[in-house]
Protein backbone atom coordinates (compact mmCIF):
# COMPACT_ATOMS: atom_id res chain seq x y z
CA MET A 1 -5.60 -21.40 -21.32
CA ALA A 2 -8.48 -23.93 -22.41
CA GLY A 3 -11.34 -26.05 -21.71
CA GLU A 4 -14.58 -26.96 -22.04
CA ALA A 5 -17.27 -24.50 -21.87
CA ASP A 6 -20.14 -25.67 -19.71
CA VAL A 7 -17.11 -26.91 -17.07
CA LEU A 8 -16.41 -23.73 -17.09
CA ILE A 9 -19.53 -22.15 -16.23
CA SER A 10 -20.58 -24.22 -14.29
CA ALA A 11 -17.16 -24.05 -11.92
CA ALA A 12 -17.29 -20.10 -12.60
CA ALA A 13 -20.56 -19.73 -11.43
CA GLY A 14 -21.29 -18.98 -7.75
CA PRO A 15 -24.57 -18.23 -5.40
CA GLU A 16 -23.49 -14.81 -4.84
CA GLN A 17 -24.79 -12.07 -6.95
CA LEU A 18 -22.80 -8.96 -8.23
CA ARG A 19 -23.97 -6.12 -5.56
CA GLY A 20 -23.64 -2.94 -7.24
CA TYR A 21 -22.77 -3.83 -10.53
CA THR A 22 -24.37 -5.01 -13.94
CA VAL A 23 -23.11 -7.14 -16.64
CA GLU A 24 -24.63 -6.07 -20.55
CA ARG A 25 -23.67 -7.01 -23.62
CA ALA A 26 -22.08 -3.41 -25.52
CA VAL A 27 -24.14 -3.28 -28.19
CA THR A 28 -24.24 0.67 -29.52
CA GLU A 29 -20.90 2.32 -30.97
CA ALA A 30 -20.99 4.26 -27.50
CA SER A 31 -20.93 1.81 -24.99
CA LEU A 32 -18.06 -0.49 -27.40
CA ARG A 33 -15.84 2.79 -27.49
CA GLU A 34 -16.08 2.88 -23.68
CA ALA A 35 -15.16 -0.92 -22.99
CA GLU A 36 -12.70 -0.52 -25.10
CA ASN A 37 -11.34 2.26 -23.81
CA LEU A 38 -11.22 0.98 -20.52
CA ALA A 39 -9.31 -2.33 -21.62
CA GLY A 40 -6.50 0.12 -23.37
CA ARG A 41 -6.59 2.26 -20.01
CA VAL A 42 -5.90 -0.90 -17.68
CA PHE A 43 -3.37 -2.45 -20.09
CA GLY A 44 -1.69 1.31 -20.03
CA ASP A 45 -1.98 2.01 -24.18
CA SER A 46 -1.31 5.72 -25.26
CA LEU A 47 -4.51 7.75 -25.68
CA GLU A 48 -3.78 7.66 -29.48
CA ARG A 49 -3.39 3.89 -29.39
CA ILE A 50 -7.06 3.49 -27.43
CA ARG A 51 -8.69 6.16 -30.13
CA LEU A 52 -7.04 3.85 -32.56
CA GLN A 53 -8.50 0.28 -31.62
CA GLU A 54 -12.17 1.86 -30.26
CA ASP A 55 -12.22 3.09 -34.29
CA GLU A 56 -11.17 -0.26 -35.20
CA LEU A 57 -13.06 -2.40 -33.01
CA VAL A 58 -16.49 0.28 -34.33
CA GLU A 59 -15.61 -0.35 -37.72
CA ARG A 60 -15.43 -4.07 -37.42
CA TRP A 61 -19.00 -4.23 -35.64
CA ARG A 62 -20.04 -2.49 -38.71
CA SER A 63 -18.80 -4.78 -40.96
CA ALA A 64 -18.96 -8.24 -38.84
CA PRO A 65 -20.81 -8.08 -36.11
CA GLU A 66 -21.28 -11.68 -35.54
CA SER A 67 -17.80 -12.03 -35.03
CA PHE A 68 -17.31 -10.86 -32.00
CA GLU A 69 -19.38 -9.39 -28.52
CA MET A 70 -18.18 -7.15 -26.22
CA TRP A 71 -19.23 -7.62 -22.61
CA VAL A 72 -18.98 -4.60 -19.99
CA VAL A 73 -19.85 -4.50 -16.25
CA ARG A 74 -21.78 -1.23 -14.54
CA ASP A 75 -21.00 -0.29 -11.33
CA GLU A 76 -23.97 2.06 -9.56
CA ASP A 77 -23.23 5.25 -11.51
CA GLY A 78 -23.56 3.27 -14.58
CA HIS A 79 -19.67 3.77 -15.71
CA VAL A 80 -17.59 0.65 -16.61
CA ALA A 81 -15.62 -1.02 -14.53
CA CYS A 82 -14.75 -3.96 -16.27
CA SER A 83 -14.60 -5.22 -19.98
CA GLY A 84 -14.35 -8.04 -22.07
CA ARG A 85 -14.24 -9.30 -26.06
CA SER A 86 -15.29 -12.14 -27.11
CA GLU A 87 -14.45 -13.43 -30.05
CA PHE A 88 -16.19 -16.01 -32.49
CA PRO A 89 -13.94 -17.57 -35.28
CA GLU A 90 -15.33 -19.71 -38.15
CA ARG A 91 -15.14 -23.03 -38.57
CA THR A 92 -14.39 -23.82 -35.09
CA ASP A 93 -15.83 -25.20 -31.38
CA PHE A 94 -13.85 -22.58 -29.70
CA ALA A 95 -14.76 -19.34 -28.62
CA GLY A 96 -11.62 -17.22 -27.67
CA LEU A 97 -12.06 -14.21 -24.33
CA TRP A 98 -10.35 -11.71 -24.93
CA GLY A 99 -9.65 -8.27 -23.28
CA GLY A 100 -10.65 -8.67 -19.77
CA ALA A 101 -9.95 -5.92 -18.05
CA CYS A 102 -11.03 -4.77 -14.25
CA LEU A 103 -10.19 -1.10 -13.37
CA GLU A 104 -8.48 -1.41 -10.40
CA GLY A 105 -10.21 0.00 -8.06
CA HIS A 106 -12.79 -2.78 -8.69
CA ARG A 107 -10.99 -6.09 -8.40
CA GLY A 108 -11.75 -8.87 -6.06
CA CYS A 109 -15.00 -7.87 -6.54
CA GLY A 110 -15.75 -11.01 -9.22
CA LEU A 111 -16.79 -8.57 -11.46
CA TYR A 112 -13.90 -10.59 -14.12
CA ARG A 113 -15.29 -13.66 -13.24
CA ALA A 114 -18.42 -12.64 -14.10
CA LEU A 115 -17.76 -11.55 -17.13
CA VAL A 116 -15.93 -14.83 -18.35
CA VAL A 117 -18.95 -16.91 -17.10
CA GLN A 118 -21.48 -14.67 -19.24
CA ARG A 119 -19.31 -15.10 -22.08
CA ALA A 120 -18.74 -18.40 -21.66
CA ARG A 121 -22.70 -18.42 -21.56
CA SER A 122 -23.35 -16.49 -24.78
CA ALA A 123 -20.52 -19.14 -26.46
CA ARG A 124 -22.09 -21.87 -25.61
CA HIS A 125 -25.90 -20.03 -26.64
CA ARG A 126 -23.67 -19.86 -30.29
CA GLY A 127 -22.97 -23.33 -30.62
CA ARG A 128 -19.20 -23.03 -29.11
CA THR A 129 -18.37 -25.94 -26.81
CA LEU A 130 -14.75 -24.98 -26.08
CA ILE A 131 -13.10 -21.62 -24.86
CA HIS A 132 -9.59 -20.28 -25.01
CA VAL A 133 -8.33 -17.63 -23.08
CA ASP A 134 -4.73 -15.84 -23.19
CA CYS A 135 -4.47 -14.61 -20.13
CA SER A 136 -2.42 -12.68 -17.54
CA GLU A 137 -0.71 -14.04 -14.32
CA TYR A 138 -3.37 -12.04 -12.82
CA SER A 139 -6.36 -14.08 -14.60
CA ARG A 140 -4.41 -17.24 -15.10
CA PRO A 141 -5.70 -18.47 -11.14
CA ILE A 142 -9.55 -17.22 -11.80
CA LEU A 143 -9.70 -19.12 -15.05
CA GLU A 144 -7.64 -22.03 -13.23
CA ARG A 145 -10.45 -22.43 -10.71
CA ALA A 146 -12.73 -22.08 -12.94
CA GLY A 147 -11.57 -25.34 -14.81
CA LEU A 148 -9.54 -24.07 -17.73
CA LEU A 149 -5.91 -25.41 -18.19
CA PRO A 150 -3.10 -24.22 -19.16
CA ILE A 151 -1.69 -25.31 -22.43
CA THR A 152 0.94 -22.89 -23.21
CA THR A 153 3.13 -19.95 -22.11
CA VAL A 154 3.60 -16.85 -24.38
CA ARG A 155 6.34 -14.37 -23.71
CA SER A 156 6.26 -11.38 -25.43
CA ALA A 157 9.33 -9.99 -26.76
CA THR A 158 9.95 -6.50 -24.93
CA ARG A 159 13.74 -6.29 -25.91
CA ALA A 160 13.96 -4.15 -29.30
CA CYS A 161 16.50 -5.20 -32.06
CA PRO A 162 19.59 -3.90 -32.42
């Protein structure tokens, strides 16, 4: 899906506040690991795969921190309930939104939408005018209501070769 960052921000920004939650940028190794851990669990990755992804993200944060941002939504107890990453590839007006993941018990509370808005705002602050998202069937309706347009369909290859 793709669209203009300003349209996404305007359409997705509602008057309601997240009650009992806070949105923040992950800026420490620990918070990056928390965010990536949550995403891995939501997407059903193995513990080994989650640890590898955490390590890769932390290494990237150390070597190229300007290339991405990780955002989280925390519940009242300070636990990460939702996370998502923004990617800022060079030489383009696009920012990519990746890994939007929300724990099942916190879905339907506007957390994913809040992360989309915050990541789009941050992208605009960096001068990015366009947003692209590879999304699941769960996120697509939210993103369509926010003004993004479907441009293609991706299907994963799940069958092993003979």
